[in-house]
Amino acid sequence: DLTAMPVRVRRDEVDRGPLPRISVCLVHFNRARLVQQAVSSLEAQDYGNFDVLLVDCGSTDADASALVSEYEESFPRRGWRVLRMEDRYVGAARNFAASCATGEYLLFMDDDNVAMPHELRTFAEVAGRTDADVLTCMNAVFAGDDAPEGVPKACWLPLGADVSSGVYANVFGDANDLVRRSAFEKIGGFS
């Protein structure tokens, strides 16, 4: 599991008007316990200007299918949605969610990501401060299917736009990232 740990920026240091709407594009396939943790972490956010688009990629597991059906009933009360599609590939699921998004920014999450309670607010504040098209964050790595707690096995801090190092290893960040929707659309989404 990867738990996003963004850098904290104080709102009073930068006042650039209202914070942007974020559409969380959460992709899931057959991992009920993990997607439940991911959804719970989104329910615990200290930021309110967001919606969730949960894409179920044709789950065949009975527990996963039952949980997604429960979400189909409960999500609309929050303005969140469940989208279903056949199992193709993760990029297709992310593109599908993005095509249904309403937010100025897209936050991509997989079902094994767990967001820290301040993740969306921090991303929104940093996006407003930097005007960046893409933001990523440090990740704490935990093992197993249980909710992350205690000391992580490892922490991974992306280096950013270090193209030379990127030839040898991913230094750019995890799929758990915030992307300006217009920039995402301009590049044509995931291949």
C-alpha atoms as a PDB file:
ATOM      1  CA  ASP A   1       0.000   0.000   0.000  1.00  0.00           C
ATOM      2  CA  LEU A   2       1.165   3.497  -0.700  1.00  0.00           C
ATOM      3  CA  THR A   3       0.072   6.250   1.649  1.00  0.00           C
ATOM      4  CA  ALA A   4       0.441   9.737   0.259  1.00  0.00           C
ATOM      5  CA  MET A   5       2.096  12.237   2.581  1.00  0.00           C
ATOM      6  CA  PRO A   6       2.043  15.672   0.894  1.00  0.00           C
ATOM      7  CA  VAL A   7       4.019  18.627   2.166  1.00  0.00           C
ATOM      8  CA  ARG A   8       1.856  20.927   4.307  1.00  0.00           C
ATOM      9  CA  VAL A   9       1.356  24.538   3.206  1.00  0.00           C
ATOM     10  CA  ARG A  10      -0.433  26.973   5.513  1.00  0.00           C
ATOM     11  CA  ARG A  11      -3.489  28.553   3.875  1.00  0.00           C
ATOM     12  CA  ASP A  12      -2.810  31.922   5.508  1.00  0.00           C
ATOM     13  CA  GLU A  13       0.589  32.129   3.793  1.00  0.00           C
ATOM     14  CA  VAL A  14      -0.990  32.198   0.353  1.00  0.00           C
ATOM     15  CA  ASP A  15      -4.448  33.583  -0.343  1.00  0.00           C
ATOM     16  CA  ARG A  16      -5.234  33.201  -4.001  1.00  0.00           C
ATOM     17  CA  GLY A  17      -9.006  32.976  -3.739  1.00  0.00           C
ATOM     18  CA  PRO A  18     -11.162  29.882  -3.550  1.00  0.00           C
ATOM     19  CA  LEU A  19      -9.418  26.538  -3.710  1.00  0.00           C
ATOM     20  CA  PRO A  20     -10.079  24.459  -6.833  1.00  0.00           C
ATOM     21  CA  ARG A  21     -12.518  21.583  -7.260  1.00  0.00           C
ATOM     22  CA  ILE A  22     -10.768  18.210  -7.377  1.00  0.00           C
ATOM     23  CA  SER A  23     -12.188  15.081  -8.980  1.00  0.00           C
ATOM     24  CA  VAL A  24     -10.645  11.967  -7.429  1.00  0.00           C
ATOM     25  CA  CYS A  25     -10.323   9.215 -10.055  1.00  0.00           C
ATOM     26  CA  LEU A  26     -10.137   5.996  -8.028  1.00  0.00           C
ATOM     27  CA  VAL A  27      -9.525   2.755  -9.943  1.00  0.00           C
ATOM     28  CA  HIS A  28     -10.472  -0.626  -8.481  1.00  0.00           C
ATOM     29  CA  PHE A  29     -10.420  -4.316  -9.422  1.00  0.00           C
ATOM     30  CA  ASN A  30     -11.198  -7.218  -7.065  1.00  0.00           C
ATOM     31  CA  ARG A  31      -9.628  -5.814  -3.876  1.00  0.00           C
ATOM     32  CA  ALA A  32     -12.544  -5.018  -1.585  1.00  0.00           C
ATOM     33  CA  ARG A  33     -10.487  -4.553   1.569  1.00  0.00           C
ATOM     34  CA  LEU A  34      -8.084  -2.149  -0.106  1.00  0.00           C
ATOM     35  CA  VAL A  35     -10.681  -0.028  -1.908  1.00  0.00           C
ATOM     36  CA  GLN A  36     -12.604   0.225   1.353  1.00  0.00           C
ATOM     37  CA  GLN A  37      -9.497   1.726   2.987  1.00  0.00           C
ATOM     38  CA  ALA A  38      -9.011   4.119   0.067  1.00  0.00           C
ATOM     39  CA  VAL A  39     -12.638   5.286   0.232  1.00  0.00           C
ATOM     40  CA  SER A  40     -12.469   5.667   4.017  1.00  0.00           C
ATOM     41  CA  SER A  41      -9.380   7.844   3.637  1.00  0.00           C
ATOM     42  CA  LEU A  42     -11.289  10.075   1.207  1.00  0.00           C
ATOM     43  CA  GLU A  43     -14.241  10.306   3.582  1.00  0.00           C
ATOM     44  CA  ALA A  44     -11.818  11.568   6.255  1.00  0.00           C
ATOM     45  CA  GLN A  45     -10.438  14.468   4.182  1.00  0.00           C
ATOM     46  CA  ASP A  46     -10.351  17.932   5.738  1.00  0.00           C
ATOM     47  CA  TYR A  47     -11.140  19.446   2.327  1.00  0.00           C
ATOM     48  CA  GLY A  48     -14.678  19.616   1.012  1.00  0.00           C
ATOM     49  CA  ASN A  49     -14.424  20.798  -2.583  1.00  0.00           C
ATOM     50  CA  PHE A  50     -14.027  17.395  -4.244  1.00  0.00           C
ATOM     51  CA  ASP A  51     -15.926  14.492  -5.700  1.00  0.00           C
ATOM     52  CA  VAL A  52     -14.980  10.843  -6.223  1.00  0.00           C
ATOM     53  CA  LEU A  53     -15.335   8.761  -9.360  1.00  0.00           C
ATOM     54  CA  LEU A  54     -14.764   5.108  -8.440  1.00  0.00           C
ATOM     55  CA  VAL A  55     -14.158   3.000 -11.544  1.00  0.00           C
ATOM     56  CA  ASP A  56     -14.757  -0.701 -11.008  1.00  0.00           C
ATOM     57  CA  CYS A  57     -12.916  -2.542 -13.773  1.00  0.00           C
ATOM     58  CA  GLY A  58     -15.234  -5.553 -13.997  1.00  0.00           C
ATOM     59  CA  SER A  59     -14.592  -7.019 -10.549  1.00  0.00           C
ATOM     60  CA  THR A  60     -15.476 -10.715 -10.394  1.00  0.00           C
ATOM     61  CA  ASP A  61     -14.791 -11.234  -6.679  1.00  0.00           C
ATOM     62  CA  ALA A  62     -18.083 -11.500  -4.731  1.00  0.00           C
ATOM     63  CA  ASP A  63     -16.908  -9.262  -1.857  1.00  0.00           C
ATOM     64  CA  ALA A  64     -15.638  -6.587  -4.239  1.00  0.00           C
ATOM     65  CA  SER A  65     -18.834  -6.654  -6.306  1.00  0.00           C
ATOM     66  CA  ALA A  66     -21.017  -6.410  -3.188  1.00  0.00           C
ATOM     67  CA  LEU A  67     -18.994  -3.487  -1.827  1.00  0.00           C
ATOM     68  CA  VAL A  68     -19.170  -1.604  -5.128  1.00  0.00           C
ATOM     69  CA  SER A  69     -22.943  -2.143  -5.161  1.00  0.00           C
ATOM     70  CA  GLU A  70     -23.116  -0.638  -1.657  1.00  0.00           C
ATOM     71  CA  TYR A  71     -21.116   2.348  -2.903  1.00  0.00           C
ATOM     72  CA  GLU A  72     -23.552   2.775  -5.795  1.00  0.00           C
ATOM     73  CA  GLU A  73     -26.252   3.360  -3.182  1.00  0.00           C
ATOM     74  CA  SER A  74     -24.284   5.545  -0.737  1.00  0.00           C
ATOM     75  CA  PHE A  75     -22.054   7.624  -3.030  1.00  0.00           C
ATOM     76  CA  PRO A  76     -24.789   9.773  -4.626  1.00  0.00           C
ATOM     77  CA  ARG A  77     -25.570  11.329  -1.217  1.00  0.00           C
ATOM     78  CA  ARG A  78     -22.088  12.878  -1.347  1.00  0.00           C
ATOM     79  CA  GLY A  79     -22.190  13.733  -5.037  1.00  0.00           C
ATOM     80  CA  TRP A  80     -19.778  10.855  -5.719  1.00  0.00           C
ATOM     81  CA  ARG A  81     -20.233   8.252  -8.466  1.00  0.00           C
ATOM     82  CA  VAL A  82     -19.461   4.630  -9.242  1.00  0.00           C
ATOM     83  CA  LEU A  83     -18.563   3.907 -12.847  1.00  0.00           C
ATOM     84  CA  ARG A  84     -18.316   0.385 -14.204  1.00  0.00           C
ATOM     85  CA  MET A  85     -16.344  -0.845 -17.180  1.00  0.00           C
ATOM     86  CA  GLU A  86     -14.848  -4.067 -18.472  1.00  0.00           C
ATOM     87  CA  ASP A  87     -11.384  -5.012 -17.292  1.00  0.00           C
ATOM     88  CA  ARG A  88      -9.015  -3.518 -19.854  1.00  0.00           C
ATOM     89  CA  TYR A  89      -6.000  -1.749 -18.362  1.00  0.00           C
ATOM     90  CA  VAL A  90      -5.485   0.800 -15.624  1.00  0.00           C
ATOM     91  CA  GLY A  91      -4.871   3.683 -18.052  1.00  0.00           C
ATOM     92  CA  ALA A  92      -8.229   3.080 -19.739  1.00  0.00           C
ATOM     93  CA  ALA A  93      -9.964   3.149 -16.347  1.00  0.00           C
ATOM     94  CA  ARG A  94      -8.222   6.383 -15.392  1.00  0.00           C
ATOM     95  CA  ASN A  95      -9.131   7.944 -18.744  1.00  0.00           C
ATOM     96  CA  PHE A  96     -12.767   6.889 -18.273  1.00  0.00           C
ATOM     97  CA  ALA A  97     -12.900   8.517 -14.843  1.00  0.00           C
ATOM     98  CA  ALA A  98     -11.235  11.676 -16.168  1.00  0.00           C
ATOM     99  CA  SER A  99     -13.769  11.886 -19.001  1.00  0.00           C
ATOM    100  CA  CYS A 100     -16.575  11.972 -16.399  1.00  0.00           C
ATOM    101  CA  ALA A 101     -14.806  14.402 -14.053  1.00  0.00           C
ATOM    102  CA  THR A 102     -16.027  17.906 -13.246  1.00  0.00           C
ATOM    103  CA  GLY A 103     -13.063  19.196 -11.244  1.00  0.00           C
ATOM    104  CA  GLU A 104     -10.423  21.650 -12.389  1.00  0.00           C
ATOM    105  CA  TYR A 105      -7.900  19.091 -11.111  1.00  0.00           C
ATOM    106  CA  LEU A 106      -7.822  15.296 -11.257  1.00  0.00           C
ATOM    107  CA  LEU A 107      -6.345  13.267  -8.408  1.00  0.00           C
ATOM    108  CA  PHE A 108      -5.513   9.758  -9.560  1.00  0.00           C
ATOM    109  CA  MET A 109      -5.629   7.010  -6.937  1.00  0.00           C
ATOM    110  CA  ASP A 110      -5.476   3.241  -7.137  1.00  0.00           C
ATOM    111  CA  ASP A 111      -7.336   1.019  -4.711  1.00  0.00           C
ATOM    112  CA  ASP A 112      -4.121   0.366  -2.762  1.00  0.00           C
ATOM    113  CA  ASN A 113      -3.544   4.073  -2.055  1.00  0.00           C
ATOM    114  CA  VAL A 114      -4.614   5.611   1.243  1.00  0.00           C
ATOM    115  CA  ALA A 115      -4.763   9.397   1.442  1.00  0.00           C
ATOM    116  CA  MET A 116      -3.574  11.245   4.527  1.00  0.00           C
ATOM    117  CA  PRO A 117      -6.438  13.349   6.003  1.00  0.00           C
ATOM    118  CA  HIS A 118      -4.914  16.578   4.658  1.00  0.00           C
ATOM    119  CA  GLU A 119      -3.868  15.289   1.220  1.00  0.00           C
ATOM    120  CA  LEU A 120      -6.519  17.007  -0.911  1.00  0.00           C
ATOM    121  CA  ARG A 121      -6.304  20.328   0.938  1.00  0.00           C
ATOM    122  CA  THR A 122      -2.515  20.323   0.689  1.00  0.00           C
ATOM    123  CA  PHE A 123      -2.563  19.489  -3.011  1.00  0.00           C
ATOM    124  CA  ALA A 124      -5.163  22.242  -3.630  1.00  0.00           C
ATOM    125  CA  GLU A 125      -3.143  24.818  -1.696  1.00  0.00           C
ATOM    126  CA  VAL A 126       0.117  23.924  -3.427  1.00  0.00           C
ATOM    127  CA  ALA A 127      -1.572  23.929  -6.846  1.00  0.00           C
ATOM    128  CA  GLY A 128      -2.891  27.426  -6.127  1.00  0.00           C
ATOM    129  CA  ARG A 129       0.490  28.606  -4.906  1.00  0.00           C
ATOM    130  CA  THR A 130       2.608  27.169  -7.719  1.00  0.00           C
ATOM    131  CA  ASP A 131       0.195  27.070 -10.657  1.00  0.00           C
ATOM    132  CA  ALA A 132       1.743  23.679 -11.488  1.00  0.00           C
ATOM    133  CA  ASP A 133       0.015  21.333 -13.941  1.00  0.00           C
ATOM    134  CA  VAL A 134       1.156  18.191 -12.092  1.00  0.00           C
ATOM    135  CA  LEU A 135       1.921  17.596  -8.422  1.00  0.00           C
ATOM    136  CA  THR A 136       3.000  14.436  -6.690  1.00  0.00           C
ATOM    137  CA  CYS A 137       3.961  13.660  -3.127  1.00  0.00           C
ATOM    138  CA  MET A 138       6.099  11.543  -0.880  1.00  0.00           C
ATOM    139  CA  ASN A 139       4.789   8.029  -0.309  1.00  0.00           C
ATOM    140  CA  ALA A 140       4.987   5.868   2.775  1.00  0.00           C
ATOM    141  CA  VAL A 141       5.113   2.182   1.859  1.00  0.00           C
ATOM    142  CA  PHE A 142       3.207  -0.331   3.996  1.00  0.00           C
ATOM    143  CA  ALA A 143       2.781  -4.060   3.404  1.00  0.00           C
ATOM    144  CA  GLY A 144      -0.320  -6.213   3.661  1.00  0.00           C
ATOM    145  CA  ASP A 145      -4.042  -5.610   3.385  1.00  0.00           C
ATOM    146  CA  ASP A 146      -4.539  -3.981   6.780  1.00  0.00           C
ATOM    147  CA  ALA A 147      -4.915  -0.237   7.210  1.00  0.00           C
ATOM    148  CA  PRO A 148      -1.525   1.493   7.367  1.00  0.00           C
ATOM    149  CA  GLU A 149      -0.351   2.283  10.875  1.00  0.00           C
ATOM    150  CA  GLY A 150       2.895   2.709  12.717  1.00  0.00           C
ATOM    151  CA  VAL A 151       6.213   3.151  10.979  1.00  0.00           C
ATOM    152  CA  PRO A 152       6.211   2.534   7.211  1.00  0.00           C
ATOM    153  CA  LYS A 153       8.522  -0.063   5.650  1.00  0.00           C
ATOM    154  CA  ALA A 154       9.992   2.712   3.530  1.00  0.00           C
ATOM    155  CA  CYS A 155       9.337   6.238   2.313  1.00  0.00           C
ATOM    156  CA  TRP A 156       9.742   7.274  -1.281  1.00  0.00           C
ATOM    157  CA  LEU A 157      10.374  10.905  -2.178  1.00  0.00           C
ATOM    158  CA  PRO A 158      10.188  11.628  -5.921  1.00  0.00           C
ATOM    159  CA  LEU A 159      12.962  13.812  -7.323  1.00  0.00           C
ATOM    160  CA  GLY A 160      10.720  15.579  -9.826  1.00  0.00           C
ATOM    161  CA  ALA A 161      11.718  16.496 -13.355  1.00  0.00           C
ATOM    162  CA  ASP A 162      15.121  14.796 -13.259  1.00  0.00           C
ATOM    163  CA  VAL A 163      15.019  13.368 -16.771  1.00  0.00           C
ATOM    164  CA  SER A 164      18.576  11.970 -16.639  1.00  0.00           C
ATOM    165  CA  SER A 165      17.844   9.851 -13.557  1.00  0.00           C
ATOM    166  CA  GLY A 166      14.403   9.031 -14.947  1.00  0.00           C
ATOM    167  CA  VAL A 167      16.067   7.005 -17.699  1.00  0.00           C
ATOM    168  CA  TYR A 168      17.128   4.479 -15.043  1.00  0.00           C
ATOM    169  CA  ALA A 169      14.314   4.589 -12.491  1.00  0.00           C
ATOM    170  CA  ASN A 170      10.994   6.262 -11.798  1.00  0.00           C
ATOM    171  CA  VAL A 171      11.971   9.502 -10.068  1.00  0.00           C
ATOM    172  CA  PHE A 172       8.822  11.341 -11.127  1.00  0.00           C
ATOM    173  CA  GLY A 173       6.305  10.000  -8.603  1.00  0.00           C
ATOM    174  CA  ASP A 174       3.503   7.551  -8.042  1.00  0.00           C
ATOM    175  CA  ALA A 175       0.208   7.314  -9.883  1.00  0.00           C
ATOM    176  CA  ASN A 176      -1.242   9.086  -6.830  1.00  0.00           C
ATOM    177  CA  ASP A 177      -0.854  12.562  -8.271  1.00  0.00           C
ATOM    178  CA  LEU A 178      -2.785  15.752  -8.919  1.00  0.00           C
ATOM    179  CA  VAL A 179      -3.084  16.866 -12.541  1.00  0.00           C
ATOM    180  CA  ARG A 180      -4.740  19.961 -13.980  1.00  0.00           C
ATOM    181  CA  ARG A 181      -7.584  18.546 -16.080  1.00  0.00           C
ATOM    182  CA  SER A 182      -6.896  20.864 -19.052  1.00  0.00           C
ATOM    183  CA  ALA A 183      -3.240  19.678 -19.166  1.00  0.00           C
ATOM    184  CA  PHE A 184      -4.353  16.045 -18.935  1.00  0.00           C
ATOM    185  CA  GLU A 185      -6.781  16.551 -21.822  1.00  0.00           C
ATOM    186  CA  LYS A 186      -4.137  18.380 -23.868  1.00  0.00           C
ATOM    187  CA  ILE A 187      -1.771  15.382 -23.763  1.00  0.00           C
ATOM    188  CA  GLY A 188      -4.600  12.955 -24.551  1.00  0.00           C
ATOM    189  CA  GLY A 189      -4.706  11.090 -21.255  1.00  0.00           C
ATOM    190  CA  PHE A 190      -3.007   7.794 -20.512  1.00  0.00           C
ATOM    191  CA  SER A 191      -1.798   5.622 -23.401  1.00  0.00           C
END
